[in-house]
């Protein structure tokens, strides 16, 4: 999601669904790994993304860019 599009209802609804799912997963598995299993970085930060790629077991980059 591009932050400038957050005023569009379709993007807000999608974001809300994603965050509800993340909250449910984090609540269910919160004690299993010493911290939340899913951490969300809602930014456009290249250096942060590259650092995450080096240390994460799983990394999901989700883009809704339309052609």
PDB file of N, CA and C in Angstrom:
ATOM      1  N   UNK A   1       0.828  -1.179   0.000  1.00  0.00           N
ATOM      2  CA  UNK A   1       0.000   0.000   0.000  1.00  0.00           C
ATOM      3  C   UNK A   1       0.872   1.243   0.000  1.00  0.00           C
ATOM      4  N   UNK A   2       0.522   2.181  -0.796  1.00  0.00           N
ATOM      5  CA  UNK A   2       1.229   3.453  -0.822  1.00  0.00           C
ATOM      6  C   UNK A   2       0.531   4.385   0.156  1.00  0.00           C
ATOM      7  N   UNK A   3       1.264   4.934   1.135  1.00  0.00           N
ATOM      8  CA  UNK A   3       0.610   5.747   2.162  1.00  0.00           C
ATOM      9  C   UNK A   3      -0.284   6.856   1.625  1.00  0.00           C
ATOM     10  N   UNK A   4       0.015   7.416   0.471  1.00  0.00           N
ATOM     11  CA  UNK A   4      -0.813   8.486  -0.063  1.00  0.00           C
ATOM     12  C   UNK A   4      -2.194   8.004  -0.499  1.00  0.00           C
ATOM     13  N   UNK A   5      -2.365   6.691  -0.602  1.00  0.00           N
ATOM     14  CA  UNK A   5      -3.657   6.143  -1.026  1.00  0.00           C
ATOM     15  C   UNK A   5      -4.533   5.722   0.154  1.00  0.00           C
ATOM     16  N   UNK A   6      -4.096   5.971   1.358  1.00  0.00           N
ATOM     17  CA  UNK A   6      -4.842   5.502   2.524  1.00  0.00           C
ATOM     18  C   UNK A   6      -6.195   6.179   2.675  1.00  0.00           C
ATOM     19  N   UNK A   7      -6.425   7.235   1.926  1.00  0.00           N
ATOM     20  CA  UNK A   7      -7.748   7.865   1.997  1.00  0.00           C
ATOM     21  C   UNK A   7      -8.778   7.137   1.121  1.00  0.00           C
ATOM     22  N   UNK A   8      -8.341   6.173   0.322  1.00  0.00           N
ATOM     23  CA  UNK A   8      -9.265   5.391  -0.496  1.00  0.00           C
ATOM     24  C   UNK A   8      -9.830   4.240   0.332  1.00  0.00           C
ATOM     25  N   UNK A   9     -11.134   4.083   0.299  1.00  0.00           N
ATOM     26  CA  UNK A   9     -11.781   3.088   1.151  1.00  0.00           C
ATOM     27  C   UNK A   9     -11.305   1.670   0.871  1.00  0.00           C
ATOM     28  N   UNK A  10     -11.023   1.339  -0.380  1.00  0.00           N
ATOM     29  CA  UNK A  10     -10.575  -0.015  -0.696  1.00  0.00           C
ATOM     30  C   UNK A  10      -9.226  -0.308  -0.029  1.00  0.00           C
ATOM     31  N   UNK A  11      -8.341   0.662   0.031  1.00  0.00           N
ATOM     32  CA  UNK A  11      -7.051   0.478   0.683  1.00  0.00           C
ATOM     33  C   UNK A  11      -7.206   0.412   2.194  1.00  0.00           C
ATOM     34  N   UNK A  12      -8.059   1.257   2.754  1.00  0.00           N
ATOM     35  CA  UNK A  12      -8.304   1.228   4.199  1.00  0.00           C
ATOM     36  C   UNK A  12      -8.892  -0.111   4.616  1.00  0.00           C
ATOM     37  N   UNK A  13      -9.838  -0.612   3.854  1.00  0.00           N
ATOM     38  CA  UNK A  13     -10.461  -1.898   4.179  1.00  0.00           C
ATOM     39  C   UNK A  13      -9.427  -3.027   4.110  1.00  0.00           C
ATOM     40  N   UNK A  14      -8.600  -3.014   3.091  1.00  0.00           N
ATOM     41  CA  UNK A  14      -7.551  -4.029   2.951  1.00  0.00           C
ATOM     42  C   UNK A  14      -6.576  -3.940   4.122  1.00  0.00           C
ATOM     43  N   UNK A  15      -6.109  -2.739   4.431  1.00  0.00           N
ATOM     44  CA  UNK A  15      -5.176  -2.539   5.536  1.00  0.00           C
ATOM     45  C   UNK A  15      -5.786  -3.012   6.850  1.00  0.00           C
ATOM     46  N   UNK A  16      -7.038  -2.671   7.078  1.00  0.00           N
ATOM     47  CA  UNK A  16      -7.707  -3.079   8.313  1.00  0.00           C
ATOM     48  C   UNK A  16      -7.800  -4.594   8.434  1.00  0.00           C
ATOM     49  N   UNK A  17      -8.109  -5.274   7.328  1.00  0.00           N
ATOM     50  CA  UNK A  17      -8.163  -6.745   7.339  1.00  0.00           C
ATOM     51  C   UNK A  17      -6.795  -7.340   7.652  1.00  0.00           C
ATOM     52  N   UNK A  18      -5.774  -6.792   7.031  1.00  0.00           N
ATOM     53  CA  UNK A  18      -4.410  -7.282   7.261  1.00  0.00           C
ATOM     54  C   UNK A  18      -4.028  -7.096   8.726  1.00  0.00           C
ATOM     55  N   UNK A  19      -4.283  -5.915   9.275  1.00  0.00           N
ATOM     56  CA  UNK A  19      -3.910  -5.651  10.665  1.00  0.00           C
ATOM     57  C   UNK A  19      -4.712  -6.495  11.649  1.00  0.00           C
ATOM     58  N   UNK A  20      -5.979  -6.757  11.377  1.00  0.00           N
ATOM     59  CA  UNK A  20      -6.774  -7.640  12.244  1.00  0.00           C
ATOM     60  C   UNK A  20      -6.203  -9.052  12.235  1.00  0.00           C
ATOM     61  N   UNK A  21      -5.795  -9.518  11.063  1.00  0.00           N
ATOM     62  CA  UNK A  21      -5.205 -10.847  10.957  1.00  0.00           C
ATOM     63  C   UNK A  21      -3.880 -10.909  11.711  1.00  0.00           C
ATOM     64  N   UNK A  22      -3.060  -9.902  11.553  1.00  0.00           N
ATOM     65  CA  UNK A  22      -1.783  -9.837  12.266  1.00  0.00           C
ATOM     66  C   UNK A  22      -2.019  -9.838  13.770  1.00  0.00           C
ATOM     67  N   UNK A  23      -2.962  -9.028  14.237  1.00  0.00           N
ATOM     68  CA  UNK A  23      -3.265  -8.976  15.674  1.00  0.00           C
ATOM     69  C   UNK A  23      -3.701 -10.339  16.199  1.00  0.00           C
ATOM     70  N   UNK A  24      -4.527 -11.038  15.439  1.00  0.00           N
ATOM     71  CA  UNK A  24      -5.004 -12.359  15.862  1.00  0.00           C
ATOM     72  C   UNK A  24      -3.845 -13.357  15.940  1.00  0.00           C
ATOM     73  N   UNK A  25      -2.968 -13.337  14.962  1.00  0.00           N
ATOM     74  CA  UNK A  25      -1.813 -14.251  14.961  1.00  0.00           C
ATOM     75  C   UNK A  25      -0.881 -13.914  16.119  1.00  0.00           C
ATOM     76  N   UNK A  26      -0.595 -12.623  16.299  1.00  0.00           N
ATOM     77  CA  UNK A  26       0.299 -12.219  17.386  1.00  0.00           C
ATOM     78  C   UNK A  26      -0.283 -12.581  18.750  1.00  0.00           C
ATOM     79  N   UNK A  27      -1.583 -12.439  18.916  1.00  0.00           N
ATOM     80  CA  UNK A  27      -2.224 -12.796  20.181  1.00  0.00           C
ATOM     81  C   UNK A  27      -2.133 -14.308  20.423  1.00  0.00           C
ATOM     82  N   UNK A  28      -2.370 -15.068  19.395  1.00  0.00           N
ATOM     83  CA  UNK A  28      -2.362 -16.530  19.534  1.00  0.00           C
ATOM     84  C   UNK A  28      -0.978 -17.076  19.861  1.00  0.00           C
ATOM     85  N   UNK A  29       0.055 -16.493  19.268  1.00  0.00           N
ATOM     86  CA  UNK A  29       1.401 -17.043  19.409  1.00  0.00           C
ATOM     87  C   UNK A  29       2.348 -16.141  20.200  1.00  0.00           C
ATOM     88  N   UNK A  30       1.814 -15.211  20.992  1.00  0.00           N
ATOM     89  CA  UNK A  30       2.647 -14.200  21.649  1.00  0.00           C
ATOM     90  C   UNK A  30       3.701 -14.772  22.590  1.00  0.00           C
ATOM     91  N   UNK A  31       3.453 -15.892  23.228  1.00  0.00           N
ATOM     92  CA  UNK A  31       4.424 -16.436  24.167  1.00  0.00           C
ATOM     93  C   UNK A  31       5.398 -17.420  23.563  1.00  0.00           C
ATOM     94  N   UNK A  32       5.212 -17.763  22.316  1.00  0.00           N
ATOM     95  CA  UNK A  32       6.006 -18.832  21.706  1.00  0.00           C
ATOM     96  C   UNK A  32       7.414 -18.415  21.285  1.00  0.00           C
ATOM     97  N   UNK A  33       7.639 -17.150  21.024  1.00  0.00           N
ATOM     98  CA  UNK A  33       8.947 -16.778  20.479  1.00  0.00           C
ATOM     99  C   UNK A  33       9.562 -15.559  21.166  1.00  0.00           C
ATOM    100  N   UNK A  34       9.047 -15.161  22.309  1.00  0.00           N
ATOM    101  CA  UNK A  34       9.648 -14.067  23.057  1.00  0.00           C
ATOM    102  C   UNK A  34       9.273 -12.681  22.565  1.00  0.00           C
ATOM    103  N   UNK A  35       8.492 -12.594  21.574  1.00  0.00           N
ATOM    104  CA  UNK A  35       8.048 -11.310  21.035  1.00  0.00           C
ATOM    105  C   UNK A  35       6.960 -11.586  20.032  1.00  0.00           C
ATOM    106  N   UNK A  36       6.420 -10.548  19.445  1.00  0.00           N
ATOM    107  CA  UNK A  36       5.367 -10.801  18.462  1.00  0.00           C
ATOM    108  C   UNK A  36       5.934 -11.536  17.250  1.00  0.00           C
ATOM    109  N   UNK A  37       5.250 -12.573  16.776  1.00  0.00           N
ATOM    110  CA  UNK A  37       5.751 -13.296  15.613  1.00  0.00           C
ATOM    111  C   UNK A  37       5.744 -12.443  14.347  1.00  0.00           C
ATOM    112  N   UNK A  38       4.840 -11.491  14.284  1.00  0.00           N
ATOM    113  CA  UNK A  38       4.762 -10.639  13.100  1.00  0.00           C
ATOM    114  C   UNK A  38       4.985  -9.196  13.523  1.00  0.00           C
ATOM    115  N   UNK A  39       5.936  -8.560  12.877  1.00  0.00           N
ATOM    116  CA  UNK A  39       6.170  -7.131  13.078  1.00  0.00           C
ATOM    117  C   UNK A  39       5.907  -6.428  11.764  1.00  0.00           C
ATOM    118  N   UNK A  40       5.187  -5.337  11.827  1.00  0.00           N
ATOM    119  CA  UNK A  40       4.810  -4.596  10.630  1.00  0.00           C
ATOM    120  C   UNK A  40       5.625  -3.309  10.552  1.00  0.00           C
ATOM    121  N   UNK A  41       6.167  -3.069   9.397  1.00  0.00           N
ATOM    122  CA  UNK A  41       6.855  -1.816   9.107  1.00  0.00           C
ATOM    123  C   UNK A  41       6.136  -1.189   7.931  1.00  0.00           C
ATOM    124  N   UNK A  42       5.347  -0.183   8.221  1.00  0.00           N
ATOM    125  CA  UNK A  42       4.540   0.467   7.192  1.00  0.00           C
ATOM    126  C   UNK A  42       5.266   1.733   6.764  1.00  0.00           C
ATOM    127  N   UNK A  43       6.344   1.516   6.034  1.00  0.00           N
ATOM    128  CA  UNK A  43       7.193   2.641   5.626  1.00  0.00           C
ATOM    129  C   UNK A  43       7.668   2.431   4.197  1.00  0.00           C
ATOM    130  N   UNK A  44       8.300   3.429   3.695  1.00  0.00           N
ATOM    131  CA  UNK A  44       8.947   3.358   2.391  1.00  0.00           C
ATOM    132  C   UNK A  44      10.421   3.666   2.622  1.00  0.00           C
ATOM    133  N   UNK A  45      11.106   2.750   3.320  1.00  0.00           N
ATOM    134  CA  UNK A  45      12.473   2.959   3.757  1.00  0.00           C
ATOM    135  C   UNK A  45      13.351   1.850   3.173  1.00  0.00           C
ATOM    136  N   UNK A  46      14.084   2.170   2.152  1.00  0.00           N
ATOM    137  CA  UNK A  46      14.896   1.169   1.448  1.00  0.00           C
ATOM    138  C   UNK A  46      15.920   0.519   2.361  1.00  0.00           C
ATOM    139  N   UNK A  47      16.632   1.323   3.167  1.00  0.00           N
ATOM    140  CA  UNK A  47      17.648   0.768   4.058  1.00  0.00           C
ATOM    141  C   UNK A  47      17.037  -0.198   5.065  1.00  0.00           C
ATOM    142  N   UNK A  48      15.879   0.148   5.598  1.00  0.00           N
ATOM    143  CA  UNK A  48      15.195  -0.735   6.546  1.00  0.00           C
ATOM    144  C   UNK A  48      14.782  -2.038   5.851  1.00  0.00           C
ATOM    145  N   UNK A  49      14.290  -1.930   4.640  1.00  0.00           N
ATOM    146  CA  UNK A  49      13.880  -3.124   3.897  1.00  0.00           C
ATOM    147  C   UNK A  49      15.077  -4.036   3.631  1.00  0.00           C
ATOM    148  N   UNK A  50      16.194  -3.464   3.233  1.00  0.00           N
ATOM    149  CA  UNK A  50      17.388  -4.277   2.977  1.00  0.00           C
ATOM    150  C   UNK A  50      17.897  -4.938   4.251  1.00  0.00           C
ATOM    151  N   UNK A  51      17.868  -4.212   5.366  1.00  0.00           N
ATOM    152  CA  UNK A  51      18.297  -4.791   6.636  1.00  0.00           C
ATOM    153  C   UNK A  51      17.374  -5.945   7.031  1.00  0.00           C
ATOM    154  N   UNK A  52      16.081  -5.775   6.830  1.00  0.00           N
ATOM    155  CA  UNK A  52      15.128  -6.833   7.157  1.00  0.00           C
ATOM    156  C   UNK A  52      15.380  -8.071   6.312  1.00  0.00           C
ATOM    157  N   UNK A  53      15.723  -7.873   5.060  1.00  0.00           N
ATOM    158  CA  UNK A  53      15.994  -9.012   4.176  1.00  0.00           C
ATOM    159  C   UNK A  53      17.180  -9.835   4.666  1.00  0.00           C
ATOM    160  N   UNK A  54      18.096  -9.201   5.366  1.00  0.00           N
ATOM    161  CA  UNK A  54      19.277  -9.916   5.875  1.00  0.00           C
ATOM    162  C   UNK A  54      18.977 -10.714   7.139  1.00  0.00           C
ATOM    163  N   UNK A  55      18.023 -10.259   7.964  1.00  0.00           N
ATOM    164  CA  UNK A  55      17.857 -10.889   9.275  1.00  0.00           C
ATOM    165  C   UNK A  55      16.550 -11.652   9.466  1.00  0.00           C
ATOM    166  N   UNK A  56      15.589 -11.442   8.622  1.00  0.00           N
ATOM    167  CA  UNK A  56      14.280 -12.073   8.813  1.00  0.00           C
ATOM    168  C   UNK A  56      14.258 -13.504   8.311  1.00  0.00           C
ATOM    169  N   UNK A  57      13.516 -14.356   9.018  1.00  0.00           N
ATOM    170  CA  UNK A  57      13.278 -15.710   8.535  1.00  0.00           C
ATOM    171  C   UNK A  57      12.297 -15.687   7.371  1.00  0.00           C
ATOM    172  N   UNK A  58      11.311 -14.796   7.462  1.00  0.00           N
ATOM    173  CA  UNK A  58      10.304 -14.636   6.422  1.00  0.00           C
ATOM    174  C   UNK A  58      10.058 -13.151   6.247  1.00  0.00           C
ATOM    175  N   UNK A  59       9.973 -12.705   5.018  1.00  0.00           N
ATOM    176  CA  UNK A  59       9.704 -11.300   4.738  1.00  0.00           C
ATOM    177  C   UNK A  59       8.677 -11.229   3.631  1.00  0.00           C
ATOM    178  N   UNK A  60       7.588 -10.541   3.896  1.00  0.00           N
ATOM    179  CA  UNK A  60       6.545 -10.358   2.893  1.00  0.00           C
ATOM    180  C   UNK A  60       6.528  -8.898   2.484  1.00  0.00           C
ATOM    181  N   UNK A  61       6.708  -8.671   1.222  1.00  0.00           N
ATOM    182  CA  UNK A  61       6.581  -7.334   0.661  1.00  0.00           C
ATOM    183  C   UNK A  61       5.320  -7.375  -0.179  1.00  0.00           C
ATOM    184  N   UNK A  62       4.366  -6.557   0.200  1.00  0.00           N
ATOM    185  CA  UNK A  62       3.054  -6.623  -0.433  1.00  0.00           C
ATOM    186  C   UNK A  62       2.758  -5.300  -1.108  1.00  0.00           C
ATOM    187  N   UNK A  63       2.689  -5.318  -2.391  1.00  0.00           N
ATOM    188  CA  UNK A  63       2.421  -4.114  -3.144  1.00  0.00           C
ATOM    189  C   UNK A  63       1.086  -4.257  -3.878  1.00  0.00           C
ATOM    190  N   UNK A  64       0.315  -3.207  -3.849  1.00  0.00           N
ATOM    191  CA  UNK A  64      -0.949  -3.188  -4.588  1.00  0.00           C
ATOM    192  C   UNK A  64      -0.859  -2.269  -5.798  1.00  0.00           C
ATOM    193  N   UNK A  65       0.353  -2.015  -6.259  1.00  0.00           N
ATOM    194  CA  UNK A  65       0.541  -1.109  -7.384  1.00  0.00           C
ATOM    195  C   UNK A  65      -0.255  -1.632  -8.587  1.00  0.00           C
ATOM    196  N   UNK A  66      -1.050  -0.772  -9.123  1.00  0.00           N
ATOM    197  CA  UNK A  66      -1.876  -1.118 -10.279  1.00  0.00           C
ATOM    198  C   UNK A  66      -1.199  -0.618 -11.546  1.00  0.00           C
ATOM    199  N   UNK A  67      -1.225  -1.399 -12.575  1.00  0.00           N
ATOM    200  CA  UNK A  67      -0.598  -0.996 -13.845  1.00  0.00           C
ATOM    201  C   UNK A  67      -1.465   0.002 -14.566  1.00  0.00           C
TER     202      UNK A  67
END
